[in-house]
PDB file of N, CA and C in Angstrom:
ATOM      1  N   UNK A   1      -3.779  19.623  -0.742  1.00  0.00           N
ATOM      2  CA  UNK A   1      -3.210  18.584  -1.194  1.00  0.00           C
ATOM      3  C   UNK A   1      -1.682  20.012  -1.937  1.00  0.00           C
ATOM      4  N   UNK A   2      -0.594  19.776  -1.683  1.00  0.00           N
ATOM      5  CA  UNK A   2      -0.316  21.067  -2.300  1.00  0.00           C
ATOM      6  C   UNK A   2       0.501  20.545  -3.692  1.00  0.00           C
ATOM      7  N   UNK A   3       0.739  22.017  -4.078  1.00  0.00           N
ATOM      8  CA  UNK A   3       1.376  21.745  -5.783  1.00  0.00           C
ATOM      9  C   UNK A   3       2.475  20.168  -5.993  1.00  0.00           C
ATOM     10  N   UNK A   4       3.302  20.323  -4.735  1.00  0.00           N
ATOM     11  CA  UNK A   4       4.444  19.242  -5.244  1.00  0.00           C
ATOM     12  C   UNK A   4       3.504  17.339  -5.099  1.00  0.00           C
ATOM     13  N   UNK A   5       2.464  18.018  -3.975  1.00  0.00           N
ATOM     14  CA  UNK A   5       2.202  16.501  -4.147  1.00  0.00           C
ATOM     15  C   UNK A   5       1.109  15.977  -5.145  1.00  0.00           C
ATOM     16  N   UNK A   6       0.541  17.163  -5.676  1.00  0.00           N
ATOM     17  CA  UNK A   6      -0.089  16.861  -7.006  1.00  0.00           C
ATOM     18  C   UNK A   6       0.412  16.489  -8.110  1.00  0.00           C
ATOM     19  N   UNK A   7       1.853  17.364  -8.405  1.00  0.00           N
ATOM     20  CA  UNK A   7       2.467  17.167  -9.303  1.00  0.00           C
ATOM     21  C   UNK A   7       3.367  15.741  -9.264  1.00  0.00           C
ATOM     22  N   UNK A   8       4.099  15.035  -7.747  1.00  0.00           N
ATOM     23  CA  UNK A   8       4.289  13.869  -7.875  1.00  0.00           C
ATOM     24  C   UNK A   8       3.473  12.343  -7.932  1.00  0.00           C
ATOM     25  N   UNK A   9       2.019  13.387  -7.437  1.00  0.00           N
ATOM     26  CA  UNK A   9       1.199  11.742  -7.869  1.00  0.00           C
ATOM     27  C   UNK A   9       0.689  11.818  -8.717  1.00  0.00           C
ATOM     28  N   UNK A  10       1.101  13.252 -10.051  1.00  0.00           N
ATOM     29  CA  UNK A  10       0.264  12.471 -11.786  1.00  0.00           C
ATOM     30  C   UNK A  10       1.903  12.370 -12.543  1.00  0.00           C
ATOM     31  N   UNK A  11       3.039  11.956 -11.754  1.00  0.00           N
ATOM     32  CA  UNK A  11       4.343  11.938 -12.155  1.00  0.00           C
ATOM     33  C   UNK A  11       3.702  10.286 -12.306  1.00  0.00           C
ATOM     34  N   UNK A  12       3.458   9.941 -10.523  1.00  0.00           N
ATOM     35  CA  UNK A  12       3.641   8.210 -10.031  1.00  0.00           C
ATOM     36  C   UNK A  12       2.233   8.235 -11.389  1.00  0.00           C
ATOM     37  N   UNK A  13       1.155   8.143 -11.473  1.00  0.00           N
ATOM     38  CA  UNK A  13       0.196   7.995 -12.252  1.00  0.00           C
ATOM     39  C   UNK A  13       1.008   7.942 -13.841  1.00  0.00           C
ATOM     40  N   UNK A  14       1.240   8.556 -13.871  1.00  0.00           N
ATOM     41  CA  UNK A  14       1.544   8.374 -15.560  1.00  0.00           C
ATOM     42  C   UNK A  14       2.824   7.255 -16.021  1.00  0.00           C
ATOM     43  N   UNK A  15       3.651   6.875 -14.808  1.00  0.00           N
ATOM     44  CA  UNK A  15       5.022   5.841 -14.769  1.00  0.00           C
ATOM     45  C   UNK A  15       4.365   4.326 -13.754  1.00  0.00           C
ATOM     46  N   UNK A  16       3.180   3.987 -13.717  1.00  0.00           N
ATOM     47  CA  UNK A  16       2.809   3.199 -13.429  1.00  0.00           C
ATOM     48  C   UNK A  16       2.044   3.209 -12.208  1.00  0.00           C
ATOM     49  N   UNK A  17       1.810   4.213 -11.698  1.00  0.00           N
ATOM     50  CA  UNK A  17       0.793   3.858 -10.179  1.00  0.00           C
ATOM     51  C   UNK A  17      -0.425   3.044 -10.914  1.00  0.00           C
ATOM     52  N   UNK A  18      -1.178   3.797 -11.965  1.00  0.00           N
ATOM     53  CA  UNK A  18      -2.225   3.371 -12.180  1.00  0.00           C
ATOM     54  C   UNK A  18      -2.631   1.967 -12.764  1.00  0.00           C
ATOM     55  N   UNK A  19      -1.414   1.382 -12.957  1.00  0.00           N
ATOM     56  CA  UNK A  19      -1.430  -0.192 -13.404  1.00  0.00           C
ATOM     57  C   UNK A  19      -1.397  -0.450 -12.275  1.00  0.00           C
ATOM     58  N   UNK A  20      -1.337   0.074 -11.164  1.00  0.00           N
ATOM     59  CA  UNK A  20      -0.587  -1.216  -9.399  1.00  0.00           C
ATOM     60  C   UNK A  20      -1.730  -0.898  -8.481  1.00  0.00           C
ATOM     61  N   UNK A  21      -2.378   0.291  -8.825  1.00  0.00           N
ATOM     62  CA  UNK A  21      -3.558   0.657  -8.472  1.00  0.00           C
ATOM     63  C   UNK A  21      -4.916  -0.376  -8.948  1.00  0.00           C
ATOM     64  N   UNK A  22      -5.280  -0.272 -10.012  1.00  0.00           N
ATOM     65  CA  UNK A  22      -6.214  -1.519 -10.903  1.00  0.00           C
ATOM     66  C   UNK A  22      -5.572  -2.999 -10.466  1.00  0.00           C
ATOM     67  N   UNK A  23      -4.124  -3.180 -10.258  1.00  0.00           N
ATOM     68  CA  UNK A  23      -4.260  -4.515  -9.848  1.00  0.00           C
ATOM     69  C   UNK A  23      -4.896  -4.857  -8.513  1.00  0.00           C
ATOM     70  N   UNK A  24      -4.069  -4.165  -7.580  1.00  0.00           N
ATOM     71  CA  UNK A  24      -4.803  -3.929  -6.289  1.00  0.00           C
ATOM     72  C   UNK A  24      -6.197  -4.348  -6.289  1.00  0.00           C
ATOM     73  N   UNK A  25      -7.007  -3.134  -7.084  1.00  0.00           N
ATOM     74  CA  UNK A  25      -8.627  -3.518  -7.083  1.00  0.00           C
ATOM     75  C   UNK A  25      -8.795  -4.440  -7.139  1.00  0.00           C
ATOM     76  N   UNK A  26      -8.530  -5.060  -8.872  1.00  0.00           N
ATOM     77  CA  UNK A  26      -8.992  -6.770  -8.738  1.00  0.00           C
ATOM     78  C   UNK A  26      -8.563  -7.641  -8.073  1.00  0.00           C
ATOM     79  N   UNK A  27      -7.852  -7.494  -7.494  1.00  0.00           N
ATOM     80  CA  UNK A  27      -7.186  -8.879  -6.028  1.00  0.00           C
ATOM     81  C   UNK A  27      -8.321  -8.591  -5.132  1.00  0.00           C
ATOM     82  N   UNK A  28      -8.711  -7.193  -4.861  1.00  0.00           N
ATOM     83  CA  UNK A  28      -9.833  -7.260  -4.177  1.00  0.00           C
ATOM     84  C   UNK A  28     -11.228  -7.326  -4.202  1.00  0.00           C
ATOM     85  N   UNK A  29     -11.164  -7.382  -5.468  1.00  0.00           N
ATOM     86  CA  UNK A  29     -12.221  -8.094  -5.799  1.00  0.00           C
ATOM     87  C   UNK A  29     -12.974  -9.423  -5.825  1.00  0.00           C
ATOM     88  N   UNK A  30     -11.706  -9.750  -6.434  1.00  0.00           N
ATOM     89  CA  UNK A  30     -11.391 -11.053  -6.264  1.00  0.00           C
ATOM     90  C   UNK A  30     -11.687 -12.040  -4.851  1.00  0.00           C
ATOM     91  N   UNK A  31     -10.530 -11.468  -4.366  1.00  0.00           N
ATOM     92  CA  UNK A  31     -11.253 -12.068  -2.464  1.00  0.00           C
ATOM     93  C   UNK A  31     -12.348 -11.732  -2.133  1.00  0.00           C
ATOM     94  N   UNK A  32     -13.630 -10.610  -2.031  1.00  0.00           N
ATOM     95  CA  UNK A  32     -14.432 -10.649  -1.825  1.00  0.00           C
ATOM     96  C   UNK A  32     -15.657 -11.045  -2.610  1.00  0.00           C
ATOM     97  N   UNK A  33     -15.167 -12.477  -3.403  1.00  0.00           N
ATOM     98  CA  UNK A  33     -16.124 -12.920  -4.054  1.00  0.00           C
ATOM     99  C   UNK A  33     -16.998 -13.728  -3.150  1.00  0.00           C
ATOM    100  N   UNK A  34     -15.861 -14.088  -2.045  1.00  0.00           N
ATOM    101  CA  UNK A  34     -16.254 -15.157  -1.584  1.00  0.00           C
ATOM    102  C   UNK A  34     -16.498 -14.711   0.589  1.00  0.00           C
ATOM    103  N   UNK A  35     -17.021 -14.851   0.826  1.00  0.00           N
ATOM    104  CA  UNK A  35     -17.188 -14.633   2.514  1.00  0.00           C
ATOM    105  C   UNK A  35     -16.314 -14.616   2.837  1.00  0.00           C
ATOM    106  N   UNK A  36     -15.036 -15.521   3.447  1.00  0.00           N
ATOM    107  CA  UNK A  36     -13.736 -15.906   4.086  1.00  0.00           C
ATOM    108  C   UNK A  36     -13.025 -14.569   3.460  1.00  0.00           C
ATOM    109  N   UNK A  37     -12.519 -14.358   1.849  1.00  0.00           N
ATOM    110  CA  UNK A  37     -12.147 -13.452   1.493  1.00  0.00           C
ATOM    111  C   UNK A  37     -12.456 -12.236   1.227  1.00  0.00           C
ATOM    112  N   UNK A  38     -13.120 -11.451   2.141  1.00  0.00           N
ATOM    113  CA  UNK A  38     -13.808 -10.155   1.935  1.00  0.00           C
ATOM    114  C   UNK A  38     -12.763  -9.597   3.198  1.00  0.00           C
ATOM    115  N   UNK A  39     -12.653 -10.245   4.204  1.00  0.00           N
ATOM    116  CA  UNK A  39     -11.795  -9.107   5.083  1.00  0.00           C
ATOM    117  C   UNK A  39     -10.364  -8.870   4.353  1.00  0.00           C
ATOM    118  N   UNK A  40      -9.724  -9.810   3.664  1.00  0.00           N
ATOM    119  CA  UNK A  40      -8.341  -9.622   2.806  1.00  0.00           C
ATOM    120  C   UNK A  40      -8.521  -8.654   1.987  1.00  0.00           C
ATOM    121  N   UNK A  41     -10.192  -9.043   0.951  1.00  0.00           N
ATOM    122  CA  UNK A  41     -10.277  -7.827  -0.289  1.00  0.00           C
ATOM    123  C   UNK A  41     -10.280  -6.309   0.504  1.00  0.00           C
ATOM    124  N   UNK A  42     -10.533  -6.071   1.653  1.00  0.00           N
ATOM    125  CA  UNK A  42     -10.714  -4.691   1.870  1.00  0.00           C
ATOM    126  C   UNK A  42      -9.463  -4.195   2.499  1.00  0.00           C
ATOM    127  N   UNK A  43      -8.493  -5.221   2.228  1.00  0.00           N
ATOM    128  CA  UNK A  43      -6.834  -4.547   2.897  1.00  0.00           C
ATOM    129  C   UNK A  43      -5.991  -4.549   1.789  1.00  0.00           C
ATOM    130  N   UNK A  44      -6.937  -5.031   0.361  1.00  0.00           N
ATOM    131  CA  UNK A  44      -6.772  -4.500  -0.953  1.00  0.00           C
ATOM    132  C   UNK A  44      -6.836  -3.527  -1.594  1.00  0.00           C
ATOM    133  N   UNK A  45      -7.913  -2.840  -0.244  1.00  0.00           N
ATOM    134  CA  UNK A  45      -8.715  -1.590  -1.410  1.00  0.00           C
ATOM    135  C   UNK A  45      -8.504  -0.667  -0.796  1.00  0.00           C
ATOM    136  N   UNK A  46      -7.425  -0.893   0.556  1.00  0.00           N
ATOM    137  CA  UNK A  46      -6.833   0.119   1.009  1.00  0.00           C
ATOM    138  C   UNK A  46      -4.978   0.289   0.459  1.00  0.00           C
ATOM    139  N   UNK A  47      -4.678  -1.023  -0.144  1.00  0.00           N
ATOM    140  CA  UNK A  47      -3.577  -1.050  -1.185  1.00  0.00           C
ATOM    141  C   UNK A  47      -3.610  -0.271  -1.998  1.00  0.00           C
ATOM    142  N   UNK A  48      -4.914  -0.246  -2.957  1.00  0.00           N
ATOM    143  CA  UNK A  48      -5.294   0.413  -4.178  1.00  0.00           C
ATOM    144  C   UNK A  48      -5.265   1.797  -3.472  1.00  0.00           C
ATOM    145  N   UNK A  49      -5.785   2.526  -2.937  1.00  0.00           N
ATOM    146  CA  UNK A  49      -6.058   3.644  -2.795  1.00  0.00           C
ATOM    147  C   UNK A  49      -4.991   4.522  -2.695  1.00  0.00           C
ATOM    148  N   UNK A  50      -3.476   3.983  -1.848  1.00  0.00           N
ATOM    149  CA  UNK A  50      -2.534   4.101  -1.830  1.00  0.00           C
ATOM    150  C   UNK A  50      -1.592   4.528  -2.241  1.00  0.00           C
ATOM    151  N   UNK A  51      -1.352   3.342  -3.194  1.00  0.00           N
ATOM    152  CA  UNK A  51      -1.186   3.198  -4.327  1.00  0.00           C
ATOM    153  C   UNK A  51      -1.386   3.938  -5.325  1.00  0.00           C
ATOM    154  N   UNK A  52      -2.661   4.697  -5.269  1.00  0.00           N
ATOM    155  CA  UNK A  52      -3.226   5.537  -6.757  1.00  0.00           C
ATOM    156  C   UNK A  52      -2.608   6.905  -6.466  1.00  0.00           C
ATOM    157  N   UNK A  53      -2.330   7.364  -5.065  1.00  0.00           N
ATOM    158  CA  UNK A  53      -2.334   8.658  -4.869  1.00  0.00           C
ATOM    159  C   UNK A  53      -1.679   8.198  -3.197  1.00  0.00           C
ATOM    160  N   UNK A  54      -0.300   8.502  -3.468  1.00  0.00           N
ATOM    161  CA  UNK A  54       0.565   7.760  -2.011  1.00  0.00           C
ATOM    162  C   UNK A  54       1.093   9.532  -2.086  1.00  0.00           C
ATOM    163  N   UNK A  55       0.716  10.173  -2.893  1.00  0.00           N
ATOM    164  CA  UNK A  55       2.114  11.470  -2.075  1.00  0.00           C
ATOM    165  C   UNK A  55       0.877  12.150  -1.044  1.00  0.00           C
ATOM    166  N   UNK A  56       1.322  12.677  -0.244  1.00  0.00           N
ATOM    167  CA  UNK A  56       0.064  13.261   0.530  1.00  0.00           C
ATOM    168  C   UNK A  56      -0.927  12.588   1.821  1.00  0.00           C
ATOM    169  N   UNK A  57      -0.996  11.168   0.944  1.00  0.00           N
ATOM    170  CA  UNK A  57      -1.643  10.027   2.179  1.00  0.00           C
ATOM    171  C   UNK A  57      -0.073  10.522   3.403  1.00  0.00           C
ATOM    172  N   UNK A  58      -1.947   9.363   4.517  1.00  0.00           N
ATOM    173  CA  UNK A  58      -0.946   8.950   5.591  1.00  0.00           C
ATOM    174  C   UNK A  58      -2.096   7.880   5.880  1.00  0.00           C
ATOM    175  N   UNK A  59      -1.456   6.736   6.822  1.00  0.00           N
ATOM    176  CA  UNK A  59      -1.662   5.913   7.426  1.00  0.00           C
ATOM    177  C   UNK A  59      -1.782   5.988   8.465  1.00  0.00           C
ATOM    178  N   UNK A  60      -2.650   5.819   9.451  1.00  0.00           N
ATOM    179  CA  UNK A  60      -2.994   5.783  11.183  1.00  0.00           C
ATOM    180  C   UNK A  60      -3.376   4.691  11.544  1.00  0.00           C
ATOM    181  N   UNK A  61      -2.743   4.051  11.825  1.00  0.00           N
ATOM    182  CA  UNK A  61      -3.018   3.254  12.937  1.00  0.00           C
ATOM    183  C   UNK A  61      -4.225   3.061  14.335  1.00  0.00           C
ATOM    184  N   UNK A  62      -5.255   1.800  14.497  1.00  0.00           N
ATOM    185  CA  UNK A  62      -5.776   1.808  15.470  1.00  0.00           C
ATOM    186  C   UNK A  62      -5.877   0.854  16.048  1.00  0.00           C
ATOM    187  N   UNK A  63      -5.433   0.148  16.458  1.00  0.00           N
ATOM    188  CA  UNK A  63      -5.355  -1.317  16.202  1.00  0.00           C
ATOM    189  C   UNK A  63      -6.388  -1.414  17.565  1.00  0.00           C
ATOM    190  N   UNK A  64      -6.829  -2.652  17.496  1.00  0.00           N
ATOM    191  CA  UNK A  64      -7.308  -3.386  18.365  1.00  0.00           C
ATOM    192  C   UNK A  64      -7.630  -5.192  18.804  1.00  0.00           C
ATOM    193  N   UNK A  65      -7.757  -5.632  19.373  1.00  0.00           N
ATOM    194  CA  UNK A  65      -7.033  -7.313  19.378  1.00  0.00           C
ATOM    195  C   UNK A  65      -7.626  -7.814  18.377  1.00  0.00           C
ATOM    196  N   UNK A  66      -8.633  -7.719  17.818  1.00  0.00           N
ATOM    197  CA  UNK A  66      -8.736  -8.624  16.501  1.00  0.00           C
ATOM    198  C   UNK A  66      -7.581  -8.397  15.464  1.00  0.00           C
ATOM    199  N   UNK A  67      -7.336  -6.965  15.108  1.00  0.00           N
ATOM    200  CA  UNK A  67      -6.452  -6.213  13.930  1.00  0.00           C
ATOM    201  C   UNK A  67      -5.153  -6.655  14.586  1.00  0.00           C
ATOM    202  N   UNK A  68      -4.821  -7.047  15.672  1.00  0.00           N
ATOM    203  CA  UNK A  68      -3.573  -7.441  16.236  1.00  0.00           C
ATOM    204  C   UNK A  68      -3.385  -8.969  15.339  1.00  0.00           C
ATOM    205  N   UNK A  69      -4.459  -9.679  15.939  1.00  0.00           N
ATOM    206  CA  UNK A  69      -4.218 -10.956  15.635  1.00  0.00           C
ATOM    207  C   UNK A  69      -4.548 -11.394  13.776  1.00  0.00           C
ATOM    208  N   UNK A  70      -5.434 -10.788  13.059  1.00  0.00           N
ATOM    209  CA  UNK A  70      -5.222 -10.691  12.337  1.00  0.00           C
ATOM    210  C   UNK A  70      -4.235 -10.432  11.350  1.00  0.00           C
ATOM    211  N   UNK A  71      -3.113  -9.079  11.613  1.00  0.00           N
ATOM    212  CA  UNK A  71      -2.060  -8.720  11.209  1.00  0.00           C
ATOM    213  C   UNK A  71      -1.170  -9.872  11.464  1.00  0.00           C
ATOM    214  N   UNK A  72      -1.132 -10.467  12.353  1.00  0.00           N
ATOM    215  CA  UNK A  72      -0.049 -11.438  12.673  1.00  0.00           C
ATOM    216  C   UNK A  72       0.112 -12.862  11.579  1.00  0.00           C
ATOM    217  N   UNK A  73      -1.215 -12.838  11.281  1.00  0.00           N
ATOM    218  CA  UNK A  73      -2.081 -13.840  10.487  1.00  0.00           C
ATOM    219  C   UNK A  73      -1.217 -13.756   8.971  1.00  0.00           C
ATOM    220  N   UNK A  74      -1.877 -12.028   8.643  1.00  0.00           N
ATOM    221  CA  UNK A  74      -1.725 -11.501   7.403  1.00  0.00           C
ATOM    222  C   UNK A  74      -0.011 -11.215   7.489  1.00  0.00           C
ATOM    223  N   UNK A  75       0.383 -11.321   8.478  1.00  0.00           N
ATOM    224  CA  UNK A  75       2.102 -11.144   8.603  1.00  0.00           C
ATOM    225  C   UNK A  75       2.261 -12.328   7.876  1.00  0.00           C
ATOM    226  N   UNK A  76       2.280 -13.686   8.727  1.00  0.00           N
ATOM    227  CA  UNK A  76       2.767 -15.079   8.197  1.00  0.00           C
ATOM    228  C   UNK A  76       1.880 -15.388   6.943  1.00  0.00           C
ATOM    229  N   UNK A  77       1.497 -15.241   6.300  1.00  0.00           N
ATOM    230  CA  UNK A  77       0.684 -15.344   4.913  1.00  0.00           C
ATOM    231  C   UNK A  77       0.998 -14.940   3.859  1.00  0.00           C
ATOM    232  N   UNK A  78       1.978 -14.508   4.122  1.00  0.00           N
ATOM    233  CA  UNK A  78       2.172 -13.007   2.783  1.00  0.00           C
ATOM    234  C   UNK A  78       2.831 -11.760   3.356  1.00  0.00           C
ATOM    235  N   UNK A  79       2.510 -10.774   3.751  1.00  0.00           N
ATOM    236  CA  UNK A  79       2.742  -9.677   4.568  1.00  0.00           C
ATOM    237  C   UNK A  79       4.205  -9.208   4.643  1.00  0.00           C
ATOM    238  N   UNK A  80       4.606 -10.264   4.924  1.00  0.00           N
ATOM    239  CA  UNK A  80       6.647 -10.109   5.547  1.00  0.00           C
ATOM    240  C   UNK A  80       6.959 -10.079   3.636  1.00  0.00           C
ATOM    241  N   UNK A  81       6.535 -10.923   2.884  1.00  0.00           N
ATOM    242  CA  UNK A  81       6.776 -11.204   1.646  1.00  0.00           C
ATOM    243  C   UNK A  81       6.681  -9.879   1.010  1.00  0.00           C
ATOM    244  N   UNK A  82       5.514  -9.014   1.138  1.00  0.00           N
ATOM    245  CA  UNK A  82       5.400  -7.648   0.236  1.00  0.00           C
ATOM    246  C   UNK A  82       6.283  -7.343   0.139  1.00  0.00           C
ATOM    247  N   UNK A  83       6.296  -6.527   2.133  1.00  0.00           N
ATOM    248  CA  UNK A  83       7.186  -5.730   2.547  1.00  0.00           C
ATOM    249  C   UNK A  83       8.456  -5.653   2.338  1.00  0.00           C
ATOM    250  N   UNK A  84       8.817  -6.675   2.266  1.00  0.00           N
ATOM    251  CA  UNK A  84      10.659  -7.017   1.578  1.00  0.00           C
ATOM    252  C   UNK A  84      10.784  -7.031   0.433  1.00  0.00           C
ATOM    253  N   UNK A  85       9.254  -6.987  -0.441  1.00  0.00           N
ATOM    254  CA  UNK A  85       9.351  -6.629  -1.875  1.00  0.00           C
ATOM    255  C   UNK A  85       9.724  -4.678  -1.756  1.00  0.00           C
ATOM    256  N   UNK A  86       8.574  -4.455  -1.566  1.00  0.00           N
ATOM    257  CA  UNK A  86       8.169  -2.705  -1.429  1.00  0.00           C
ATOM    258  C   UNK A  86       9.706  -2.308  -1.130  1.00  0.00           C
ATOM    259  N   UNK A  87      10.339  -2.859   0.527  1.00  0.00           N
ATOM    260  CA  UNK A  87      11.464  -2.387   0.090  1.00  0.00           C
ATOM    261  C   UNK A  87      12.508  -2.251   0.351  1.00  0.00           C
ATOM    262  N   UNK A  88      12.426  -3.035  -0.887  1.00  0.00           N
ATOM    263  CA  UNK A  88      13.644  -3.455  -1.986  1.00  0.00           C
ATOM    264  C   UNK A  88      13.549  -2.365  -3.158  1.00  0.00           C
ATOM    265  N   UNK A  89      12.647  -2.284  -3.791  1.00  0.00           N
ATOM    266  CA  UNK A  89      12.222  -1.130  -4.606  1.00  0.00           C
ATOM    267  C   UNK A  89      12.235   0.086  -4.428  1.00  0.00           C
ATOM    268  N   UNK A  90      12.028   0.506  -3.309  1.00  0.00           N
ATOM    269  CA  UNK A  90      12.350   1.610  -2.432  1.00  0.00           C
ATOM    270  C   UNK A  90      13.842   2.237  -2.606  1.00  0.00           C
ATOM    271  N   UNK A  91      14.393   1.225  -1.804  1.00  0.00           N
ATOM    272  CA  UNK A  91      15.813   1.277  -2.197  1.00  0.00           C
ATOM    273  C   UNK A  91      16.409   1.764  -3.387  1.00  0.00           C
ATOM    274  N   UNK A  92      15.828   0.667  -4.296  1.00  0.00           N
ATOM    275  CA  UNK A  92      16.401   0.824  -5.645  1.00  0.00           C
ATOM    276  C   UNK A  92      16.138   2.517  -6.094  1.00  0.00           C
ATOM    277  N   UNK A  93      15.026   3.465  -5.651  1.00  0.00           N
ATOM    278  CA  UNK A  93      14.232   4.184  -6.240  1.00  0.00           C
ATOM    279  C   UNK A  93      15.281   5.539  -5.252  1.00  0.00           C
ATOM    280  N   UNK A  94      15.873   4.876  -3.731  1.00  0.00           N
ATOM    281  CA  UNK A  94      16.571   5.751  -3.230  1.00  0.00           C
ATOM    282  C   UNK A  94      17.748   6.198  -3.997  1.00  0.00           C
ATOM    283  N   UNK A  95      18.300   5.409  -5.059  1.00  0.00           N
ATOM    284  CA  UNK A  95      20.050   5.534  -5.606  1.00  0.00           C
ATOM    285  C   UNK A  95      20.128   6.419  -6.033  1.00  0.00           C
ATOM    286  N   UNK A  96      18.906   7.302  -6.739  1.00  0.00           N
ATOM    287  CA  UNK A  96      18.862   8.417  -7.513  1.00  0.00           C
ATOM    288  C   UNK A  96      18.230   9.797  -6.787  1.00  0.00           C
ATOM    289  N   UNK A  97      19.346  10.475  -6.905  1.00  0.00           N
ATOM    290  CA  UNK A  97      18.120  11.913  -5.981  1.00  0.00           C
ATOM    291  C   UNK A  97      17.019  12.096  -6.274  1.00  0.00           C
ATOM    292  N   UNK A  98      16.676  11.995  -7.663  1.00  0.00           N
ATOM    293  CA  UNK A  98      15.092  12.132  -8.452  1.00  0.00           C
ATOM    294  C   UNK A  98      14.098  11.312  -7.882  1.00  0.00           C
ATOM    295  N   UNK A  99      14.911   9.824  -7.336  1.00  0.00           N
ATOM    296  CA  UNK A  99      13.872   8.971  -6.910  1.00  0.00           C
ATOM    297  C   UNK A  99      13.441   8.581  -5.763  1.00  0.00           C
ATOM    298  N   UNK A 100      14.138   9.527  -5.406  1.00  0.00           N
ATOM    299  CA  UNK A 100      13.884   9.673  -3.368  1.00  0.00           C
ATOM    300  C   UNK A 100      13.148  10.586  -3.276  1.00  0.00           C
ATOM    301  N   UNK A 101      11.886  10.729  -3.486  1.00  0.00           N
ATOM    302  CA  UNK A 101      10.934  10.675  -2.727  1.00  0.00           C
ATOM    303  C   UNK A 101       9.544  10.052  -3.128  1.00  0.00           C
ATOM    304  N   UNK A 102      10.242   9.314  -5.036  1.00  0.00           N
ATOM    305  CA  UNK A 102       9.214   8.093  -4.873  1.00  0.00           C
ATOM    306  C   UNK A 102       9.725   6.992  -4.001  1.00  0.00           C
ATOM    307  N   UNK A 103      10.255   6.766  -3.959  1.00  0.00           N
ATOM    308  CA  UNK A 103      10.913   5.745  -2.918  1.00  0.00           C
ATOM    309  C   UNK A 103      10.968   6.285  -1.497  1.00  0.00           C
ATOM    310  N   UNK A 104      10.612   7.231  -1.254  1.00  0.00           N
ATOM    311  CA  UNK A 104       9.776   7.307  -0.040  1.00  0.00           C
ATOM    312  C   UNK A 104       8.157   6.924   0.510  1.00  0.00           C
ATOM    313  N   UNK A 105       7.805   7.361  -0.939  1.00  0.00           N
ATOM    314  CA  UNK A 105       6.124   6.437  -1.359  1.00  0.00           C
ATOM    315  C   UNK A 105       6.003   5.193  -0.738  1.00  0.00           C
ATOM    316  N   UNK A 106       7.216   4.495  -1.735  1.00  0.00           N
ATOM    317  CA  UNK A 106       6.978   2.585  -1.332  1.00  0.00           C
ATOM    318  C   UNK A 106       6.887   2.242  -0.244  1.00  0.00           C
ATOM    319  N   UNK A 107       7.964   2.969   0.821  1.00  0.00           N
ATOM    320  CA  UNK A 107       8.360   2.488   1.591  1.00  0.00           C
ATOM    321  C   UNK A 107       6.977   2.685   2.780  1.00  0.00           C
ATOM    322  N   UNK A 108       6.030   4.103   2.092  1.00  0.00           N
ATOM    323  CA  UNK A 108       4.755   3.715   2.936  1.00  0.00           C
ATOM    324  C   UNK A 108       4.190   2.759   2.853  1.00  0.00           C
ATOM    325  N   UNK A 109       4.048   2.067   1.821  1.00  0.00           N
ATOM    326  CA  UNK A 109       3.142   0.808   0.853  1.00  0.00           C
ATOM    327  C   UNK A 109       3.787  -0.184   1.443  1.00  0.00           C
ATOM    328  N   UNK A 110       5.409  -0.283   2.385  1.00  0.00           N
ATOM    329  CA  UNK A 110       6.087  -1.467   3.186  1.00  0.00           C
ATOM    330  C   UNK A 110       5.746  -1.743   4.034  1.00  0.00           C
ATOM    331  N   UNK A 111       5.168  -0.327   4.763  1.00  0.00           N
ATOM    332  CA  UNK A 111       4.528  -0.363   5.745  1.00  0.00           C
ATOM    333  C   UNK A 111       2.776  -1.024   5.772  1.00  0.00           C
ATOM    334  N   UNK A 112       2.302  -0.393   5.304  1.00  0.00           N
ATOM    335  CA  UNK A 112       1.086  -0.923   5.175  1.00  0.00           C
ATOM    336  C   UNK A 112       0.984  -1.966   4.713  1.00  0.00           C
ATOM    337  N   UNK A 113       1.583  -2.938   4.247  1.00  0.00           N
ATOM    338  CA  UNK A 113       1.526  -4.062   3.423  1.00  0.00           C
ATOM    339  C   UNK A 113       2.285  -5.238   4.698  1.00  0.00           C
ATOM    340  N   UNK A 114       2.911  -4.732   5.574  1.00  0.00           N
ATOM    341  CA  UNK A 114       3.338  -5.086   6.480  1.00  0.00           C
ATOM    342  C   UNK A 114       2.115  -5.187   7.878  1.00  0.00           C
ATOM    343  N   UNK A 115       1.213  -4.664   7.648  1.00  0.00           N
ATOM    344  CA  UNK A 115       0.020  -4.527   8.934  1.00  0.00           C
ATOM    345  C   UNK A 115      -0.527  -3.922   8.905  1.00  0.00           C
ATOM    346  N   UNK A 116      -1.684  -4.280   7.663  1.00  0.00           N
ATOM    347  CA  UNK A 116      -2.498  -3.610   6.756  1.00  0.00           C
ATOM    348  C   UNK A 116      -4.118  -3.548   7.944  1.00  0.00           C
ATOM    349  N   UNK A 117      -4.252  -4.567   8.829  1.00  0.00           N
ATOM    350  CA  UNK A 117      -5.738  -4.715   9.439  1.00  0.00           C
ATOM    351  C   UNK A 117      -5.614  -3.505  10.658  1.00  0.00           C
ATOM    352  N   UNK A 118      -6.187  -2.787  10.627  1.00  0.00           N
ATOM    353  CA  UNK A 118      -6.502  -1.655  11.534  1.00  0.00           C
ATOM    354  C   UNK A 118      -5.842  -0.548  11.476  1.00  0.00           C
ATOM    355  N   UNK A 119      -5.307  -0.636  10.064  1.00  0.00           N
ATOM    356  CA  UNK A 119      -4.582   0.723   9.737  1.00  0.00           C
ATOM    357  C   UNK A 119      -5.775   1.477   8.653  1.00  0.00           C
ATOM    358  N   UNK A 120      -5.455   3.210   8.629  1.00  0.00           N
ATOM    359  CA  UNK A 120      -6.645   3.966   7.477  1.00  0.00           C
ATOM    360  C   UNK A 120      -5.812   4.569   6.700  1.00  0.00           C
ATOM    361  N   UNK A 121      -5.744   4.567   5.592  1.00  0.00           N
ATOM    362  CA  UNK A 121      -5.023   6.036   4.490  1.00  0.00           C
ATOM    363  C   UNK A 121      -5.828   6.961   4.483  1.00  0.00           C
ATOM    364  N   UNK A 122      -5.493   7.533   4.966  1.00  0.00           N
ATOM    365  CA  UNK A 122      -6.130   9.476   4.964  1.00  0.00           C
ATOM    366  C   UNK A 122      -5.494  10.054   3.620  1.00  0.00           C
TER     367      UNK A 122
END
């Protein structure tokens, strides 16, 4: 991790990244309390990981037929709305020069929230 990525992650955490990551973690735990919710909980844990330290993180997709079907269901049940929310917030950040790097990280979250099944956060 470069110094710029480390500095970006520290600023991100101090300005709300930790609260957002904890919220995603709690959502994942709640989903995992039921057998049916475990796949959704695992996706929430991915979002928590990306939300905690987005600078330097990459999203890699390796989809299968099952993940495509799960992503379609996810998209219909709220993934689209989450992605729109993240895109709007990212655009707001990109209105200033200082906010552009943070807006770009939020766009990563929009990508993951659109289709998390079959994705891995590296």
